[in-house]
Amino acid sequence: MKYAKPPLSLEQQADLLLSRGMTGDRQLIIERLSMVNYYRLSGYWHTFRNLPAQDFTPNTTFEKIWMRYTFDRQLRLLVMDAVERVEVAFRGNLAYRIAHKYGNPFAYAEDAIALPNLRADERNRFLASLADETKSSKETFVRHFRDKYGKDQVYMPIWMVTEIMTFGHALTLYRGSADATKAAVAAPFGVHDKVFLSWLLTLNTIRNICAHHARLWNRSLGIKPMIPVAKNDPRWHEPVAIGNDRIFGILTVLKNCLDRIAPQSRWPMRLIGLLRDCPEIPLKSMGFPIGWEMCPIWASEFPGQQRAI
């Protein structure tokens, strides 16, 4: 089928919404549509639609849609803050463990034994991509290294290269490392390395969602983090079960990580403050189970309370 919908002016877009039953100040709707694409906002009013019809359910206001949009934006900023802390700690620990295990800052590039869990072709592609990334980097410390050592060193020391490699490259480096190295890197986060790898893979996806300003708050996750088994960590199962298909599971993963690597952080209270400021947001759509405040991972934020939100 050929796509035949014509482009609509901002005024036509506002009138279309109003004709379908959404209420709000027309001029304000036009102003906000001039700042945020109609199609981007449509992801936030989808749950207010009467399907398969095109009209909106009663009492659907543009302000409700805009509130969800702004909530999602603030949520993404909070999530990115937490992901950054986890990623920086992960990269630093990974570089430290590899450097000290082999006593050679270039072992990852010079000795296949440093990446025993990568096939030869995977390792070659990985190193070639790192070399290209190093050559194209505009970082001052990279240019200094190339100017001073470039004739003798194609690759940089592990503690330097981990600062410029993509998150995807860092995941490949971690996945390819020796089992003992992976376990040592995961240990500060309190989980088995297989669980930690699944967390990193999911956080990489979440990171990309946030970087592209995409809808996050009620998204169903395609790449899901593993939940620690009950016998290893019952906190994820009792008195409430933590799911892994919605953002609440990610928030719990981040809370668990920050409790260990940045216990001084006020990130959990900032998140809870956002939820309190936006009581209209349906927590069920985010994967919050009933009684989530009693989950041991979150309970410390609600002293003396059973239900806070």
C-alpha atoms as a PDB file:
ATOM      1  CA  MET A   1       0.000   0.000   0.000  1.00  0.00           C
ATOM      2  CA  LYS A   2       1.320   3.397  -0.976  1.00  0.00           C
ATOM      3  CA  TYR A   3       1.571   5.966   1.834  1.00  0.00           C
ATOM      4  CA  ALA A   4      -0.703   8.859   0.878  1.00  0.00           C
ATOM      5  CA  LYS A   5      -1.058  11.007   4.000  1.00  0.00           C
ATOM      6  CA  PRO A   6      -0.162  14.656   3.301  1.00  0.00           C
ATOM      7  CA  PRO A   7       1.841  16.796   5.752  1.00  0.00           C
ATOM      8  CA  LEU A   8      -0.333  18.851   8.087  1.00  0.00           C
ATOM      9  CA  SER A   9       0.354  22.349   9.349  1.00  0.00           C
ATOM     10  CA  LEU A  10       0.660  22.872  13.092  1.00  0.00           C
ATOM     11  CA  GLU A  11      -2.822  24.375  13.096  1.00  0.00           C
ATOM     12  CA  GLN A  12      -4.211  21.361  11.235  1.00  0.00           C
ATOM     13  CA  GLN A  13      -2.495  18.988  13.660  1.00  0.00           C
ATOM     14  CA  ALA A  14      -4.065  20.787  16.641  1.00  0.00           C
ATOM     15  CA  ASP A  15      -7.490  20.812  14.992  1.00  0.00           C
ATOM     16  CA  LEU A  16      -7.219  17.098  14.241  1.00  0.00           C
ATOM     17  CA  LEU A  17      -6.560  16.318  17.903  1.00  0.00           C
ATOM     18  CA  LEU A  18      -9.452  18.515  19.024  1.00  0.00           C
ATOM     19  CA  SER A  19     -11.799  16.978  16.445  1.00  0.00           C
ATOM     20  CA  ARG A  20     -11.035  13.540  17.831  1.00  0.00           C
ATOM     21  CA  GLY A  21     -12.059  14.480  21.336  1.00  0.00           C
ATOM     22  CA  MET A  22      -8.875  15.715  22.978  1.00  0.00           C
ATOM     23  CA  THR A  23      -9.456  18.886  24.973  1.00  0.00           C
ATOM     24  CA  GLY A  24      -7.093  21.778  25.566  1.00  0.00           C
ATOM     25  CA  ASP A  25      -6.197  25.321  24.611  1.00  0.00           C
ATOM     26  CA  ARG A  26      -5.729  25.326  20.839  1.00  0.00           C
ATOM     27  CA  GLN A  27      -3.005  27.977  20.823  1.00  0.00           C
ATOM     28  CA  LEU A  28      -1.050  26.184  23.545  1.00  0.00           C
ATOM     29  CA  ILE A  29      -1.328  22.915  21.626  1.00  0.00           C
ATOM     30  CA  ILE A  30       0.017  24.633  18.500  1.00  0.00           C
ATOM     31  CA  GLU A  31       2.919  26.156  20.449  1.00  0.00           C
ATOM     32  CA  ARG A  32       3.905  22.814  21.959  1.00  0.00           C
ATOM     33  CA  LEU A  33       3.574  20.977  18.656  1.00  0.00           C
ATOM     34  CA  SER A  34       6.023  23.521  17.246  1.00  0.00           C
ATOM     35  CA  MET A  35       8.571  22.324  19.834  1.00  0.00           C
ATOM     36  CA  VAL A  36       7.799  18.597  19.881  1.00  0.00           C
ATOM     37  CA  ASN A  37       6.951  16.571  16.784  1.00  0.00           C
ATOM     38  CA  TYR A  38       3.315  15.415  16.548  1.00  0.00           C
ATOM     39  CA  TYR A  39       4.516  11.885  15.829  1.00  0.00           C
ATOM     40  CA  ARG A  40       6.797  11.860  18.894  1.00  0.00           C
ATOM     41  CA  LEU A  41       3.924  12.945  21.131  1.00  0.00           C
ATOM     42  CA  SER A  42       1.611  10.339  19.604  1.00  0.00           C
ATOM     43  CA  GLY A  43       3.414   7.652  21.584  1.00  0.00           C
ATOM     44  CA  TYR A  44       2.148   9.317  24.754  1.00  0.00           C
ATOM     45  CA  TRP A  45      -1.512   9.545  23.746  1.00  0.00           C
ATOM     46  CA  HIS A  46      -1.743   6.048  22.261  1.00  0.00           C
ATOM     47  CA  THR A  47      -3.196   4.574  25.472  1.00  0.00           C
ATOM     48  CA  PHE A  48      -5.928   7.247  25.431  1.00  0.00           C
ATOM     49  CA  ARG A  49      -7.215   6.164  22.004  1.00  0.00           C
ATOM     50  CA  ASN A  50     -10.425   4.257  21.334  1.00  0.00           C
ATOM     51  CA  LEU A  51      -9.179   1.560  18.978  1.00  0.00           C
ATOM     52  CA  PRO A  52      -9.757   0.708  16.212  1.00  0.00           C
ATOM     53  CA  ALA A  53     -11.512   4.091  16.034  1.00  0.00           C
ATOM     54  CA  GLN A  54      -9.345   7.211  15.974  1.00  0.00           C
ATOM     55  CA  ASP A  55     -11.075   9.219  18.712  1.00  0.00           C
ATOM     56  CA  PHE A  56      -9.906   9.727  22.300  1.00  0.00           C
ATOM     57  CA  THR A  57     -11.456   8.412  25.493  1.00  0.00           C
ATOM     58  CA  PRO A  58     -13.491  10.895  27.553  1.00  0.00           C
ATOM     59  CA  ASN A  59     -11.529  13.418  29.637  1.00  0.00           C
ATOM     60  CA  THR A  60      -8.387  13.104  27.519  1.00  0.00           C
ATOM     61  CA  THR A  61      -6.650  16.457  27.833  1.00  0.00           C
ATOM     62  CA  PHE A  62      -3.555  17.714  26.087  1.00  0.00           C
ATOM     63  CA  GLU A  63      -2.170  18.617  29.504  1.00  0.00           C
ATOM     64  CA  LYS A  64      -2.282  14.935  30.532  1.00  0.00           C
ATOM     65  CA  ILE A  65      -0.330  14.006  27.420  1.00  0.00           C
ATOM     66  CA  TRP A  66       2.177  16.791  27.983  1.00  0.00           C
ATOM     67  CA  MET A  67       2.600  15.762  31.624  1.00  0.00           C
ATOM     68  CA  ARG A  68       3.489  12.212  30.581  1.00  0.00           C
ATOM     69  CA  TYR A  69       5.911  13.529  28.004  1.00  0.00           C
ATOM     70  CA  THR A  70       7.709  15.782  30.500  1.00  0.00           C
ATOM     71  CA  PHE A  71       7.721  13.001  33.109  1.00  0.00           C
ATOM     72  CA  ASP A  72       9.371  10.693  30.601  1.00  0.00           C
ATOM     73  CA  ARG A  73      11.997  13.307  29.791  1.00  0.00           C
ATOM     74  CA  GLN A  74      12.871  13.727  33.467  1.00  0.00           C
ATOM     75  CA  LEU A  75      12.917   9.957  33.930  1.00  0.00           C
ATOM     76  CA  ARG A  76      15.378   9.570  31.047  1.00  0.00           C
ATOM     77  CA  LEU A  77      17.703  12.153  32.590  1.00  0.00           C
ATOM     78  CA  LEU A  78      17.642  10.296  35.915  1.00  0.00           C
ATOM     79  CA  VAL A  79      18.234   6.949  34.259  1.00  0.00           C
ATOM     80  CA  MET A  80      21.120   8.309  32.198  1.00  0.00           C
ATOM     81  CA  ASP A  81      22.714   9.664  35.369  1.00  0.00           C
ATOM     82  CA  ALA A  82      22.586   6.226  36.989  1.00  0.00           C
ATOM     83  CA  VAL A  83      23.722   4.409  33.846  1.00  0.00           C
ATOM     84  CA  GLU A  84      26.728   6.734  33.603  1.00  0.00           C
ATOM     85  CA  ARG A  85      27.799   5.886  37.149  1.00  0.00           C
ATOM     86  CA  VAL A  86      27.478   2.157  36.497  1.00  0.00           C
ATOM     87  CA  GLU A  87      29.254   2.371  33.151  1.00  0.00           C
ATOM     88  CA  VAL A  88      32.181   4.411  34.485  1.00  0.00           C
ATOM     89  CA  ALA A  89      32.653   2.009  37.410  1.00  0.00           C
ATOM     90  CA  PHE A  90      32.438  -0.969  35.064  1.00  0.00           C
ATOM     91  CA  ARG A  91      34.985   0.419  32.596  1.00  0.00           C
ATOM     92  CA  GLY A  92      37.448   1.376  35.317  1.00  0.00           C
ATOM     93  CA  ASN A  93      37.221  -1.979  37.084  1.00  0.00           C
ATOM     94  CA  LEU A  94      37.531  -3.881  33.814  1.00  0.00           C
ATOM     95  CA  ALA A  95      40.680  -1.993  32.818  1.00  0.00           C
ATOM     96  CA  TYR A  96      42.183  -2.476  36.279  1.00  0.00           C
ATOM     97  CA  ARG A  97      41.513  -6.213  36.381  1.00  0.00           C
ATOM     98  CA  ILE A  98      42.916  -6.900  32.908  1.00  0.00           C
ATOM     99  CA  ALA A  99      46.010  -4.761  33.471  1.00  0.00           C
ATOM    100  CA  HIS A 100      46.881  -6.385  36.784  1.00  0.00           C
ATOM    101  CA  LYS A 101      46.017  -9.932  35.787  1.00  0.00           C
ATOM    102  CA  TYR A 102      48.583  -9.910  32.974  1.00  0.00           C
ATOM    103  CA  GLY A 103      50.944  -7.183  34.163  1.00  0.00           C
ATOM    104  CA  ASN A 104      50.984  -5.733  30.679  1.00  0.00           C
ATOM    105  CA  PRO A 105      48.928  -2.679  29.664  1.00  0.00           C
ATOM    106  CA  PHE A 106      48.805  -3.983  26.082  1.00  0.00           C
ATOM    107  CA  ALA A 107      47.958  -7.620  26.865  1.00  0.00           C
ATOM    108  CA  TYR A 108      44.434  -7.268  25.458  1.00  0.00           C
ATOM    109  CA  ALA A 109      45.955  -6.505  22.028  1.00  0.00           C
ATOM    110  CA  GLU A 110      49.200  -8.476  22.101  1.00  0.00           C
ATOM    111  CA  ASP A 111      48.240 -11.755  23.755  1.00  0.00           C
ATOM    112  CA  ALA A 112      45.243 -13.838  22.734  1.00  0.00           C
ATOM    113  CA  ILE A 113      45.224 -15.425  26.177  1.00  0.00           C
ATOM    114  CA  ALA A 114      43.900 -12.147  27.581  1.00  0.00           C
ATOM    115  CA  LEU A 115      40.668 -12.593  25.610  1.00  0.00           C
ATOM    116  CA  PRO A 116      40.136 -16.368  25.751  1.00  0.00           C
ATOM    117  CA  ASN A 117      36.376 -16.148  25.234  1.00  0.00           C
ATOM    118  CA  LEU A 118      36.623 -14.501  21.814  1.00  0.00           C
ATOM    119  CA  ARG A 119      37.145 -16.459  18.630  1.00  0.00           C
ATOM    120  CA  ALA A 120      40.165 -15.430  16.585  1.00  0.00           C
ATOM    121  CA  ASP A 121      37.997 -13.661  13.996  1.00  0.00           C
ATOM    122  CA  GLU A 122      36.053 -11.830  16.722  1.00  0.00           C
ATOM    123  CA  ARG A 123      39.253 -10.704  18.379  1.00  0.00           C
ATOM    124  CA  ASN A 124      40.709  -9.491  15.076  1.00  0.00           C
ATOM    125  CA  ARG A 125      37.595  -7.476  14.240  1.00  0.00           C
ATOM    126  CA  PHE A 126      37.517  -6.059  17.747  1.00  0.00           C
ATOM    127  CA  LEU A 127      41.145  -4.931  17.629  1.00  0.00           C
ATOM    128  CA  ALA A 128      40.827  -3.508  14.119  1.00  0.00           C
ATOM    129  CA  SER A 129      37.814  -1.477  15.195  1.00  0.00           C
ATOM    130  CA  LEU A 130      39.682  -0.212  18.273  1.00  0.00           C
ATOM    131  CA  ALA A 131      42.636   0.816  16.098  1.00  0.00           C
ATOM    132  CA  ASP A 132      40.299   2.785  13.826  1.00  0.00           C
ATOM    133  CA  GLU A 133      38.627   4.393  16.809  1.00  0.00           C
ATOM    134  CA  THR A 134      41.994   5.413  18.224  1.00  0.00           C
ATOM    135  CA  LYS A 135      43.081   6.929  14.904  1.00  0.00           C
ATOM    136  CA  SER A 136      39.904   8.981  14.569  1.00  0.00           C
ATOM    137  CA  SER A 137      39.680  10.122  18.190  1.00  0.00           C
ATOM    138  CA  LYS A 138      40.001  13.854  18.834  1.00  0.00           C
ATOM    139  CA  GLU A 139      40.648  13.460  22.550  1.00  0.00           C
ATOM    140  CA  THR A 140      43.695  15.418  23.733  1.00  0.00           C
ATOM    141  CA  PHE A 141      45.203  12.468  25.595  1.00  0.00           C
ATOM    142  CA  VAL A 142      44.847  10.289  22.490  1.00  0.00           C
ATOM    143  CA  ARG A 143      46.605  12.825  20.273  1.00  0.00           C
ATOM    144  CA  HIS A 144      49.370  13.131  22.862  1.00  0.00           C
ATOM    145  CA  PHE A 145      49.823   9.359  22.945  1.00  0.00           C
ATOM    146  CA  ARG A 146      49.925   9.124  19.137  1.00  0.00           C
ATOM    147  CA  ASP A 147      52.448  11.959  18.894  1.00  0.00           C
ATOM    148  CA  LYS A 148      54.733  10.458  21.529  1.00  0.00           C
ATOM    149  CA  TYR A 149      54.359   6.694  21.019  1.00  0.00           C
ATOM    150  CA  GLY A 150      52.559   6.262  17.709  1.00  0.00           C
ATOM    151  CA  LYS A 151      55.578   4.943  15.837  1.00  0.00           C
ATOM    152  CA  ASP A 152      55.993   2.067  18.277  1.00  0.00           C
ATOM    153  CA  GLN A 153      52.472   1.479  19.627  1.00  0.00           C
ATOM    154  CA  VAL A 154      49.386   0.880  17.517  1.00  0.00           C
ATOM    155  CA  TYR A 155      47.214   0.391  20.595  1.00  0.00           C
ATOM    156  CA  MET A 156      46.977   2.387  23.791  1.00  0.00           C
ATOM    157  CA  PRO A 157      47.248   1.013  27.335  1.00  0.00           C
ATOM    158  CA  ILE A 158      44.092  -0.676  28.565  1.00  0.00           C
ATOM    159  CA  TRP A 159      43.285   2.128  31.002  1.00  0.00           C
ATOM    160  CA  MET A 160      43.355   4.638  28.149  1.00  0.00           C
ATOM    161  CA  VAL A 161      41.536   2.687  25.487  1.00  0.00           C
ATOM    162  CA  THR A 162      38.630   1.875  27.787  1.00  0.00           C
ATOM    163  CA  GLU A 163      37.983   5.619  28.021  1.00  0.00           C
ATOM    164  CA  ILE A 164      37.380   6.042  24.284  1.00  0.00           C
ATOM    165  CA  MET A 165      35.852   2.721  23.254  1.00  0.00           C
ATOM    166  CA  THR A 166      32.114   2.513  22.740  1.00  0.00           C
ATOM    167  CA  PHE A 167      29.939   0.776  25.300  1.00  0.00           C
ATOM    168  CA  GLY A 168      29.561  -1.996  22.720  1.00  0.00           C
ATOM    169  CA  HIS A 169      33.338  -2.425  22.549  1.00  0.00           C
ATOM    170  CA  ALA A 170      33.522  -2.476  26.335  1.00  0.00           C
ATOM    171  CA  LEU A 171      30.924  -5.240  26.364  1.00  0.00           C
ATOM    172  CA  THR A 172      32.946  -7.229  23.825  1.00  0.00           C
ATOM    173  CA  LEU A 173      36.073  -6.775  25.935  1.00  0.00           C
ATOM    174  CA  TYR A 174      34.212  -7.968  29.021  1.00  0.00           C
ATOM    175  CA  ARG A 175      32.548 -10.892  27.265  1.00  0.00           C
ATOM    176  CA  GLY A 176      35.875 -12.006  25.831  1.00  0.00           C
ATOM    177  CA  SER A 177      37.826 -11.759  29.084  1.00  0.00           C
ATOM    178  CA  ALA A 178      38.849 -14.703  31.215  1.00  0.00           C
ATOM    179  CA  ASP A 179      36.137 -16.085  33.480  1.00  0.00           C
ATOM    180  CA  ALA A 180      38.047 -15.060  36.599  1.00  0.00           C
ATOM    181  CA  THR A 181      38.320 -11.510  35.280  1.00  0.00           C
ATOM    182  CA  LYS A 182      34.605 -11.326  34.549  1.00  0.00           C
ATOM    183  CA  ALA A 183      33.791 -12.598  38.028  1.00  0.00           C
ATOM    184  CA  ALA A 184      36.107 -10.020  39.620  1.00  0.00           C
ATOM    185  CA  VAL A 185      34.538  -7.179  37.619  1.00  0.00           C
ATOM    186  CA  ALA A 186      31.009  -8.281  38.558  1.00  0.00           C
ATOM    187  CA  ALA A 187      31.809  -8.806  42.244  1.00  0.00           C
ATOM    188  CA  PRO A 188      31.463  -5.142  43.343  1.00  0.00           C
ATOM    189  CA  PHE A 189      27.948  -5.174  41.913  1.00  0.00           C
ATOM    190  CA  GLY A 190      27.022  -8.210  43.981  1.00  0.00           C
ATOM    191  CA  VAL A 191      25.947 -10.564  41.194  1.00  0.00           C
ATOM    192  CA  HIS A 192      27.250 -13.459  39.114  1.00  0.00           C
ATOM    193  CA  ASP A 193      29.084 -12.383  35.974  1.00  0.00           C
ATOM    194  CA  LYS A 194      26.424 -13.922  33.707  1.00  0.00           C
ATOM    195  CA  VAL A 195      23.773 -11.823  35.429  1.00  0.00           C
ATOM    196  CA  PHE A 196      26.000  -8.760  35.262  1.00  0.00           C
ATOM    197  CA  LEU A 197      26.599  -9.238  31.540  1.00  0.00           C
ATOM    198  CA  SER A 198      22.849  -9.378  30.948  1.00  0.00           C
ATOM    199  CA  TRP A 199      22.494  -6.157  32.959  1.00  0.00           C
ATOM    200  CA  LEU A 200      25.143  -4.449  30.866  1.00  0.00           C
ATOM    201  CA  LEU A 201      23.522  -5.562  27.614  1.00  0.00           C
ATOM    202  CA  THR A 202      20.173  -4.192  28.769  1.00  0.00           C
ATOM    203  CA  LEU A 203      21.701  -0.957  30.055  1.00  0.00           C
ATOM    204  CA  ASN A 204      23.363  -0.477  26.677  1.00  0.00           C
ATOM    205  CA  THR A 205      19.918  -0.611  25.070  1.00  0.00           C
ATOM    206  CA  ILE A 206      18.446   1.714  27.700  1.00  0.00           C
ATOM    207  CA  ARG A 207      21.366   4.083  27.178  1.00  0.00           C
ATOM    208  CA  ASN A 208      20.603   4.242  23.462  1.00  0.00           C
ATOM    209  CA  ILE A 209      16.899   4.832  24.118  1.00  0.00           C
ATOM    210  CA  CYS A 210      17.751   7.749  26.391  1.00  0.00           C
ATOM    211  CA  ALA A 211      20.384   9.150  24.025  1.00  0.00           C
ATOM    212  CA  HIS A 212      17.809   9.253  21.223  1.00  0.00           C
ATOM    213  CA  HIS A 213      15.199  10.817  23.531  1.00  0.00           C
ATOM    214  CA  ALA A 214      12.819   7.941  22.861  1.00  0.00           C
ATOM    215  CA  ARG A 215       9.874   6.960  25.034  1.00  0.00           C
ATOM    216  CA  LEU A 216      11.027   5.032  28.100  1.00  0.00           C
ATOM    217  CA  TRP A 217       8.484   5.172  30.916  1.00  0.00           C
ATOM    218  CA  ASN A 218       6.067   2.436  29.756  1.00  0.00           C
ATOM    219  CA  ARG A 219       8.217   0.662  27.188  1.00  0.00           C
ATOM    220  CA  SER A 220       8.153  -3.116  26.997  1.00  0.00           C
ATOM    221  CA  LEU A 221      11.787  -4.239  26.944  1.00  0.00           C
ATOM    222  CA  GLY A 222      13.088  -6.424  24.147  1.00  0.00           C
ATOM    223  CA  ILE A 223      16.442  -7.132  25.807  1.00  0.00           C
ATOM    224  CA  LYS A 224      15.730  -8.091  29.393  1.00  0.00           C
ATOM    225  CA  PRO A 225      18.114  -8.221  32.371  1.00  0.00           C
ATOM    226  CA  MET A 226      18.453 -11.490  34.230  1.00  0.00           C
ATOM    227  CA  ILE A 227      16.953 -11.519  37.712  1.00  0.00           C
ATOM    228  CA  PRO A 228      19.193 -13.208  40.334  1.00  0.00           C
ATOM    229  CA  VAL A 229      17.763 -16.553  41.397  1.00  0.00           C
ATOM    230  CA  ALA A 230      16.009 -16.675  44.754  1.00  0.00           C
ATOM    231  CA  LYS A 231      18.537 -18.957  46.429  1.00  0.00           C
ATOM    232  CA  ASN A 232      21.347 -16.506  45.642  1.00  0.00           C
ATOM    233  CA  ASP A 233      19.489 -13.270  46.365  1.00  0.00           C
ATOM    234  CA  PRO A 234      15.914 -13.572  47.675  1.00  0.00           C
ATOM    235  CA  ARG A 235      15.517  -9.778  47.740  1.00  0.00           C
ATOM    236  CA  TRP A 236      14.420  -9.908  44.101  1.00  0.00           C
ATOM    237  CA  HIS A 237      11.585 -12.323  44.889  1.00  0.00           C
ATOM    238  CA  GLU A 238      10.236 -11.703  48.400  1.00  0.00           C
ATOM    239  CA  PRO A 239       8.024 -10.108  49.575  1.00  0.00           C
ATOM    240  CA  VAL A 240       7.376  -8.901  45.996  1.00  0.00           C
ATOM    241  CA  ALA A 241       8.701 -10.281  42.720  1.00  0.00           C
ATOM    242  CA  ILE A 242      10.732  -7.946  40.516  1.00  0.00           C
ATOM    243  CA  GLY A 243       9.917  -8.315  36.832  1.00  0.00           C
ATOM    244  CA  ASN A 244      12.376  -7.697  34.020  1.00  0.00           C
ATOM    245  CA  ASP A 245      10.200  -6.619  31.111  1.00  0.00           C
ATOM    246  CA  ARG A 246       9.489  -3.017  32.140  1.00  0.00           C
ATOM    247  CA  ILE A 247      11.424   0.000  33.355  1.00  0.00           C
ATOM    248  CA  PHE A 248      10.878  -0.846  37.040  1.00  0.00           C
ATOM    249  CA  GLY A 249      13.193  -3.822  36.632  1.00  0.00           C
ATOM    250  CA  ILE A 250      15.858  -1.517  35.206  1.00  0.00           C
ATOM    251  CA  LEU A 251      15.360   0.996  37.992  1.00  0.00           C
ATOM    252  CA  THR A 252      15.837  -1.804  40.523  1.00  0.00           C
ATOM    253  CA  VAL A 253      18.998  -2.986  38.759  1.00  0.00           C
ATOM    254  CA  LEU A 254      20.347   0.576  38.889  1.00  0.00           C
ATOM    255  CA  LYS A 255      19.357   0.979  42.544  1.00  0.00           C
ATOM    256  CA  ASN A 256      21.133  -2.270  43.409  1.00  0.00           C
ATOM    257  CA  CYS A 257      24.277  -1.140  41.579  1.00  0.00           C
ATOM    258  CA  LEU A 258      24.334   2.362  43.057  1.00  0.00           C
ATOM    259  CA  ASP A 259      23.842   1.026  46.574  1.00  0.00           C
ATOM    260  CA  ARG A 260      27.167  -0.756  46.095  1.00  0.00           C
ATOM    261  CA  ILE A 261      29.280   1.609  44.025  1.00  0.00           C
ATOM    262  CA  ALA A 262      27.826   4.996  45.051  1.00  0.00           C
ATOM    263  CA  PRO A 263      26.021   4.571  48.382  1.00  0.00           C
ATOM    264  CA  GLN A 264      26.280   8.306  49.009  1.00  0.00           C
ATOM    265  CA  SER A 265      24.185   9.034  45.930  1.00  0.00           C
ATOM    266  CA  ARG A 266      20.785  10.636  46.369  1.00  0.00           C
ATOM    267  CA  TRP A 267      19.616   9.144  43.099  1.00  0.00           C
ATOM    268  CA  PRO A 268      16.943   6.906  44.689  1.00  0.00           C
ATOM    269  CA  MET A 269      15.335   9.834  46.489  1.00  0.00           C
ATOM    270  CA  ARG A 270      15.422  11.934  43.329  1.00  0.00           C
ATOM    271  CA  LEU A 271      13.565   9.161  41.527  1.00  0.00           C
ATOM    272  CA  ILE A 272      11.038   8.789  44.324  1.00  0.00           C
ATOM    273  CA  GLY A 273      10.607  12.572  44.348  1.00  0.00           C
ATOM    274  CA  LEU A 274       9.786  12.493  40.634  1.00  0.00           C
ATOM    275  CA  LEU A 275       7.168   9.798  41.204  1.00  0.00           C
ATOM    276  CA  ARG A 276       5.614  11.809  44.036  1.00  0.00           C
ATOM    277  CA  ASP A 277       5.531  14.938  41.886  1.00  0.00           C
ATOM    278  CA  CYS A 278       3.669  13.035  39.149  1.00  0.00           C
ATOM    279  CA  PRO A 279       1.004  10.979  40.946  1.00  0.00           C
ATOM    280  CA  GLU A 280      -1.077  10.699  37.752  1.00  0.00           C
ATOM    281  CA  ILE A 281       1.523   8.445  36.152  1.00  0.00           C
ATOM    282  CA  PRO A 282       0.237   4.840  36.235  1.00  0.00           C
ATOM    283  CA  LEU A 283       3.017   2.887  37.932  1.00  0.00           C
ATOM    284  CA  LYS A 284       1.548  -0.397  36.715  1.00  0.00           C
ATOM    285  CA  SER A 285       2.457   0.587  33.154  1.00  0.00           C
ATOM    286  CA  MET A 286       6.070   0.958  34.323  1.00  0.00           C
ATOM    287  CA  GLY A 287       6.098  -2.529  35.838  1.00  0.00           C
ATOM    288  CA  PHE A 288       5.911  -1.429  39.486  1.00  0.00           C
ATOM    289  CA  PRO A 289       4.341  -4.293  41.462  1.00  0.00           C
ATOM    290  CA  ILE A 290       1.906  -3.592  44.265  1.00  0.00           C
ATOM    291  CA  GLY A 291       3.898  -3.157  47.466  1.00  0.00           C
ATOM    292  CA  TRP A 292       7.150  -2.448  45.626  1.00  0.00           C
ATOM    293  CA  GLU A 293       8.279  -0.189  48.482  1.00  0.00           C
ATOM    294  CA  MET A 294       8.619  -3.305  50.649  1.00  0.00           C
ATOM    295  CA  CYS A 295      11.159  -4.872  48.290  1.00  0.00           C
ATOM    296  CA  PRO A 296      14.381  -5.066  50.361  1.00  0.00           C
ATOM    297  CA  ILE A 297      16.293  -3.251  47.616  1.00  0.00           C
ATOM    298  CA  TRP A 298      13.955  -0.248  47.963  1.00  0.00           C
ATOM    299  CA  ALA A 299      12.784  -0.534  51.566  1.00  0.00           C
ATOM    300  CA  SER A 300      15.683   1.504  52.965  1.00  0.00           C
ATOM    301  CA  GLU A 301      14.234   4.558  51.204  1.00  0.00           C
ATOM    302  CA  PHE A 302      10.964   4.209  53.148  1.00  0.00           C
ATOM    303  CA  PRO A 303      11.921   3.857  56.811  1.00  0.00           C
ATOM    304  CA  GLY A 304       8.953   3.067  59.022  1.00  0.00           C
ATOM    305  CA  GLN A 305       6.556   2.939  56.092  1.00  0.00           C
ATOM    306  CA  GLN A 306       4.850   0.155  54.216  1.00  0.00           C
ATOM    307  CA  ARG A 307       3.249   2.200  51.469  1.00  0.00           C
ATOM    308  CA  ALA A 308       4.686   5.528  50.442  1.00  0.00           C
ATOM    309  CA  ILE A 309       3.538   6.017  46.848  1.00  0.00           C
END
